Amino acid sequence: MTLRPALAALTCLALATPALAEGDPEKGEKEFAKCRSCHMIESESETIVKGGKTGPNLYGVIGRTAGTLDGFTYGDDIVAAGESGLVWNAENLAVYIEDPKAFLAHHLDKKAARSKMTFKMRKHSEDVAAYLATEAIGAAPDATD
């Protein structure tokens, strides 16, 4: 089996089985140090993690439609993924973090899909996604009727 079909199979498996993507938020907080050079986590009133501005602010990323943070210039393919209905949750974000280009290629069914995010987190992506899903960093509150 060549690398691309194997990667596609792993991506499909990860998307189809959310239980595999469960992570440890405490480990994810430590692992997020690798993300800080490009990303910050900042609410309107508080800086939770001071970081770079190359990537979008990840405050409240869980529940956000991909490619839609106001004030950030995304690449065309992540915008297209959002327009096709991609909303970040811990499971799909963990898969994206592992290999952004492969994730977009699979999601968009577009072999030539590209991501501005070149970093690939081969280990602990599920922990980072679990960390980003915690209430302390902007998880959406339960809706009330």
C-alpha atoms as a PDB file:
ATOM      1  CA  MET A   1       0.000   0.000   0.000  1.00  0.00           C
ATOM      2  CA  THR A   2       1.434   3.384  -0.937  1.00  0.00           C
ATOM      3  CA  LEU A   3       1.511   6.256   1.509  1.00  0.00           C
ATOM      4  CA  ARG A   4      -1.385   8.254   0.045  1.00  0.00           C
ATOM      5  CA  PRO A   5      -4.004   5.462   0.184  1.00  0.00           C
ATOM      6  CA  ALA A   6      -2.793   4.565   3.662  1.00  0.00           C
ATOM      7  CA  LEU A   7      -3.105   8.186   4.791  1.00  0.00           C
ATOM      8  CA  ALA A   8      -6.564   8.442   3.244  1.00  0.00           C
ATOM      9  CA  ALA A   9      -7.611   5.252   5.009  1.00  0.00           C
ATOM     10  CA  LEU A  10      -6.332   6.541   8.353  1.00  0.00           C
ATOM     11  CA  THR A  11      -8.097   9.856   7.825  1.00  0.00           C
ATOM     12  CA  CYS A  12     -11.368   8.089   7.039  1.00  0.00           C
ATOM     13  CA  LEU A  13     -10.972   5.886  10.088  1.00  0.00           C
ATOM     14  CA  ALA A  14     -10.279   8.847  12.328  1.00  0.00           C
ATOM     15  CA  LEU A  15     -13.270  10.761  10.970  1.00  0.00           C
ATOM     16  CA  ALA A  16     -15.555   7.758  11.318  1.00  0.00           C
ATOM     17  CA  THR A  17     -14.576   6.825  14.869  1.00  0.00           C
ATOM     18  CA  PRO A  18     -14.684   9.793  17.239  1.00  0.00           C
ATOM     19  CA  ALA A  19     -13.708   7.626  20.204  1.00  0.00           C
ATOM     20  CA  LEU A  20     -10.212   7.305  18.735  1.00  0.00           C
ATOM     21  CA  ALA A  21      -9.806  11.083  18.815  1.00  0.00           C
ATOM     22  CA  GLU A  22     -10.501  11.540  22.531  1.00  0.00           C
ATOM     23  CA  GLY A  23      -7.585  13.237  24.166  1.00  0.00           C
ATOM     24  CA  ASP A  24      -6.264  14.531  27.449  1.00  0.00           C
ATOM     25  CA  PRO A  25      -6.724  18.312  27.805  1.00  0.00           C
ATOM     26  CA  GLU A  26      -3.934  18.568  30.404  1.00  0.00           C
ATOM     27  CA  LYS A  27      -1.435  16.921  28.056  1.00  0.00           C
ATOM     28  CA  GLY A  28      -2.823  19.071  25.245  1.00  0.00           C
ATOM     29  CA  GLU A  29      -2.127  22.243  27.171  1.00  0.00           C
ATOM     30  CA  LYS A  30       1.552  21.247  27.401  1.00  0.00           C
ATOM     31  CA  GLU A  31       1.671  20.123  23.764  1.00  0.00           C
ATOM     32  CA  PHE A  32       0.148  23.445  22.666  1.00  0.00           C
ATOM     33  CA  ALA A  33       3.591  24.958  23.266  1.00  0.00           C
ATOM     34  CA  LYS A  34       4.442  23.648  19.774  1.00  0.00           C
ATOM     35  CA  CYS A  35       1.567  25.702  18.345  1.00  0.00           C
ATOM     36  CA  ARG A  36       2.391  28.996  20.057  1.00  0.00           C
ATOM     37  CA  SER A  37       4.834  30.180  17.444  1.00  0.00           C
ATOM     38  CA  CYS A  38       1.885  30.616  15.054  1.00  0.00           C
ATOM     39  CA  HIS A  39      -1.281  30.661  17.197  1.00  0.00           C
ATOM     40  CA  MET A  40      -2.542  32.518  20.219  1.00  0.00           C
ATOM     41  CA  ILE A  41      -5.567  31.839  22.391  1.00  0.00           C
ATOM     42  CA  GLU A  42      -7.114  35.171  23.264  1.00  0.00           C
ATOM     43  CA  SER A  43     -10.639  36.245  24.163  1.00  0.00           C
ATOM     44  CA  GLU A  44     -11.805  39.824  23.876  1.00  0.00           C
ATOM     45  CA  SER A  45     -10.883  40.364  27.523  1.00  0.00           C
ATOM     46  CA  GLU A  46      -8.080  37.912  28.264  1.00  0.00           C
ATOM     47  CA  THR A  47      -4.901  36.485  26.792  1.00  0.00           C
ATOM     48  CA  ILE A  48      -4.917  32.805  27.697  1.00  0.00           C
ATOM     49  CA  VAL A  49      -1.880  31.807  25.633  1.00  0.00           C
ATOM     50  CA  LYS A  50       0.322  34.488  24.147  1.00  0.00           C
ATOM     51  CA  GLY A  51       1.496  33.364  20.742  1.00  0.00           C
ATOM     52  CA  GLY A  52       2.090  34.263  17.141  1.00  0.00           C
ATOM     53  CA  LYS A  53      -0.277  35.754  14.616  1.00  0.00           C
ATOM     54  CA  THR A  54       0.757  33.703  11.591  1.00  0.00           C
ATOM     55  CA  GLY A  55      -2.171  31.380  12.285  1.00  0.00           C
ATOM     56  CA  PRO A  56      -5.653  32.300  13.479  1.00  0.00           C
ATOM     57  CA  ASN A  57      -6.557  32.890  17.100  1.00  0.00           C
ATOM     58  CA  LEU A  58      -7.774  29.535  18.423  1.00  0.00           C
ATOM     59  CA  TYR A  59     -10.035  30.905  21.125  1.00  0.00           C
ATOM     60  CA  GLY A  60     -13.419  29.280  20.566  1.00  0.00           C
ATOM     61  CA  VAL A  61     -12.246  27.261  17.553  1.00  0.00           C
ATOM     62  CA  ILE A  62     -14.406  24.283  18.521  1.00  0.00           C
ATOM     63  CA  GLY A  63     -17.806  24.941  17.005  1.00  0.00           C
ATOM     64  CA  ARG A  64     -16.445  27.495  14.519  1.00  0.00           C
ATOM     65  CA  THR A  65     -16.955  27.014  10.799  1.00  0.00           C
ATOM     66  CA  ALA A  66     -13.557  26.445   9.206  1.00  0.00           C
ATOM     67  CA  GLY A  67     -11.969  29.484   7.593  1.00  0.00           C
ATOM     68  CA  THR A  68     -14.301  32.085   9.089  1.00  0.00           C
ATOM     69  CA  LEU A  69     -12.526  33.980  11.887  1.00  0.00           C
ATOM     70  CA  ASP A  70     -13.022  37.685  11.177  1.00  0.00           C
ATOM     71  CA  GLY A  71      -9.797  39.547  10.550  1.00  0.00           C
ATOM     72  CA  PHE A  72      -7.735  36.530   9.521  1.00  0.00           C
ATOM     73  CA  THR A  73      -6.829  35.797   5.906  1.00  0.00           C
ATOM     74  CA  TYR A  74      -7.271  32.096   5.219  1.00  0.00           C
ATOM     75  CA  GLY A  75      -6.204  30.069   2.219  1.00  0.00           C
ATOM     76  CA  ASP A  76      -8.781  29.274  -0.451  1.00  0.00           C
ATOM     77  CA  ASP A  77      -9.092  25.572   0.395  1.00  0.00           C
ATOM     78  CA  ILE A  78      -9.816  26.007   4.109  1.00  0.00           C
ATOM     79  CA  VAL A  79     -12.436  28.618   3.169  1.00  0.00           C
ATOM     80  CA  ALA A  80     -13.910  26.143   0.665  1.00  0.00           C
ATOM     81  CA  ALA A  81     -13.992  23.489   3.388  1.00  0.00           C
ATOM     82  CA  GLY A  82     -15.957  25.847   5.629  1.00  0.00           C
ATOM     83  CA  GLU A  83     -18.301  26.731   2.792  1.00  0.00           C
ATOM     84  CA  SER A  84     -18.913  23.009   2.291  1.00  0.00           C
ATOM     85  CA  GLY A  85     -20.017  22.730   5.919  1.00  0.00           C
ATOM     86  CA  LEU A  86     -16.851  21.908   7.865  1.00  0.00           C
ATOM     87  CA  VAL A  87     -17.315  22.938  11.486  1.00  0.00           C
ATOM     88  CA  TRP A  88     -14.460  22.208  13.866  1.00  0.00           C
ATOM     89  CA  ASN A  89     -14.971  19.673  16.625  1.00  0.00           C
ATOM     90  CA  ALA A  90     -12.307  17.895  18.679  1.00  0.00           C
ATOM     91  CA  GLU A  91     -12.302  14.863  16.414  1.00  0.00           C
ATOM     92  CA  ASN A  92     -11.900  16.531  13.034  1.00  0.00           C
ATOM     93  CA  LEU A  93      -9.526  19.176  14.399  1.00  0.00           C
ATOM     94  CA  ALA A  94      -7.249  16.416  15.746  1.00  0.00           C
ATOM     95  CA  VAL A  95      -7.118  14.835  12.280  1.00  0.00           C
ATOM     96  CA  TYR A  96      -6.473  18.230  10.639  1.00  0.00           C
ATOM     97  CA  ILE A  97      -3.597  18.973  13.017  1.00  0.00           C
ATOM     98  CA  GLU A  98      -1.945  15.661  12.103  1.00  0.00           C
ATOM     99  CA  ASP A  99      -1.707  16.570   8.414  1.00  0.00           C
ATOM    100  CA  PRO A 100      -3.592  19.683   7.249  1.00  0.00           C
ATOM    101  CA  LYS A 101      -2.981  19.168   3.534  1.00  0.00           C
ATOM    102  CA  ALA A 102      -4.114  15.523   3.570  1.00  0.00           C
ATOM    103  CA  PHE A 103      -7.174  16.443   5.640  1.00  0.00           C
ATOM    104  CA  LEU A 104      -8.248  19.124   3.159  1.00  0.00           C
ATOM    105  CA  ALA A 105      -7.534  16.910   0.170  1.00  0.00           C
ATOM    106  CA  HIS A 106      -9.794  14.247   1.658  1.00  0.00           C
ATOM    107  CA  HIS A 107     -12.502  16.629   2.867  1.00  0.00           C
ATOM    108  CA  LEU A 108     -12.704  18.516  -0.412  1.00  0.00           C
ATOM    109  CA  ASP A 109     -12.039  15.447  -2.567  1.00  0.00           C
ATOM    110  CA  LYS A 110      -9.381  17.592  -4.212  1.00  0.00           C
ATOM    111  CA  LYS A 111      -5.978  16.023  -4.620  1.00  0.00           C
ATOM    112  CA  ALA A 112      -4.282  19.407  -5.051  1.00  0.00           C
ATOM    113  CA  ALA A 113      -5.816  20.990  -1.920  1.00  0.00           C
ATOM    114  CA  ARG A 114      -3.404  23.143   0.047  1.00  0.00           C
ATOM    115  CA  SER A 115      -3.220  24.480   3.568  1.00  0.00           C
ATOM    116  CA  LYS A 116      -1.290  27.468   4.825  1.00  0.00           C
ATOM    117  CA  MET A 117      -0.600  25.377   7.950  1.00  0.00           C
ATOM    118  CA  THR A 118       2.537  23.425   7.108  1.00  0.00           C
ATOM    119  CA  PHE A 119       3.197  22.003  10.591  1.00  0.00           C
ATOM    120  CA  LYS A 120       2.141  18.385  11.121  1.00  0.00           C
ATOM    121  CA  MET A 121       1.595  17.196  14.683  1.00  0.00           C
ATOM    122  CA  ARG A 122       2.134  13.459  14.323  1.00  0.00           C
ATOM    123  CA  LYS A 123       1.643  12.754  18.047  1.00  0.00           C
ATOM    124  CA  HIS A 124      -0.735  14.214  20.623  1.00  0.00           C
ATOM    125  CA  SER A 125      -3.029  16.000  18.174  1.00  0.00           C
ATOM    126  CA  GLU A 126      -6.048  14.557  19.997  1.00  0.00           C
ATOM    127  CA  ASP A 127      -4.719  16.025  23.253  1.00  0.00           C
ATOM    128  CA  VAL A 128      -4.319  19.495  21.717  1.00  0.00           C
ATOM    129  CA  ALA A 129      -7.836  19.285  20.247  1.00  0.00           C
ATOM    130  CA  ALA A 130      -9.202  18.225  23.648  1.00  0.00           C
ATOM    131  CA  TYR A 131      -7.416  21.195  25.222  1.00  0.00           C
ATOM    132  CA  LEU A 132      -8.919  23.578  22.685  1.00  0.00           C
ATOM    133  CA  ALA A 133     -12.349  22.102  23.443  1.00  0.00           C
ATOM    134  CA  THR A 134     -12.188  22.968  27.138  1.00  0.00           C
ATOM    135  CA  GLU A 135     -14.487  25.631  28.508  1.00  0.00           C
ATOM    136  CA  ALA A 136     -11.493  27.599  29.751  1.00  0.00           C
ATOM    137  CA  ILE A 137     -10.516  28.472  26.217  1.00  0.00           C
ATOM    138  CA  GLY A 138     -13.789  29.411  24.650  1.00  0.00           C
ATOM    139  CA  ALA A 139     -15.941  26.356  24.241  1.00  0.00           C
ATOM    140  CA  ALA A 140     -19.433  27.440  23.320  1.00  0.00           C
ATOM    141  CA  PRO A 141     -21.850  27.353  26.274  1.00  0.00           C
ATOM    142  CA  ASP A 142     -24.905  25.120  26.087  1.00  0.00           C
ATOM    143  CA  ALA A 143     -27.691  26.733  24.106  1.00  0.00           C
ATOM    144  CA  THR A 144     -30.799  27.733  25.995  1.00  0.00           C
ATOM    145  CA  ASP A 145     -34.286  27.883  24.509  1.00  0.00           C
END
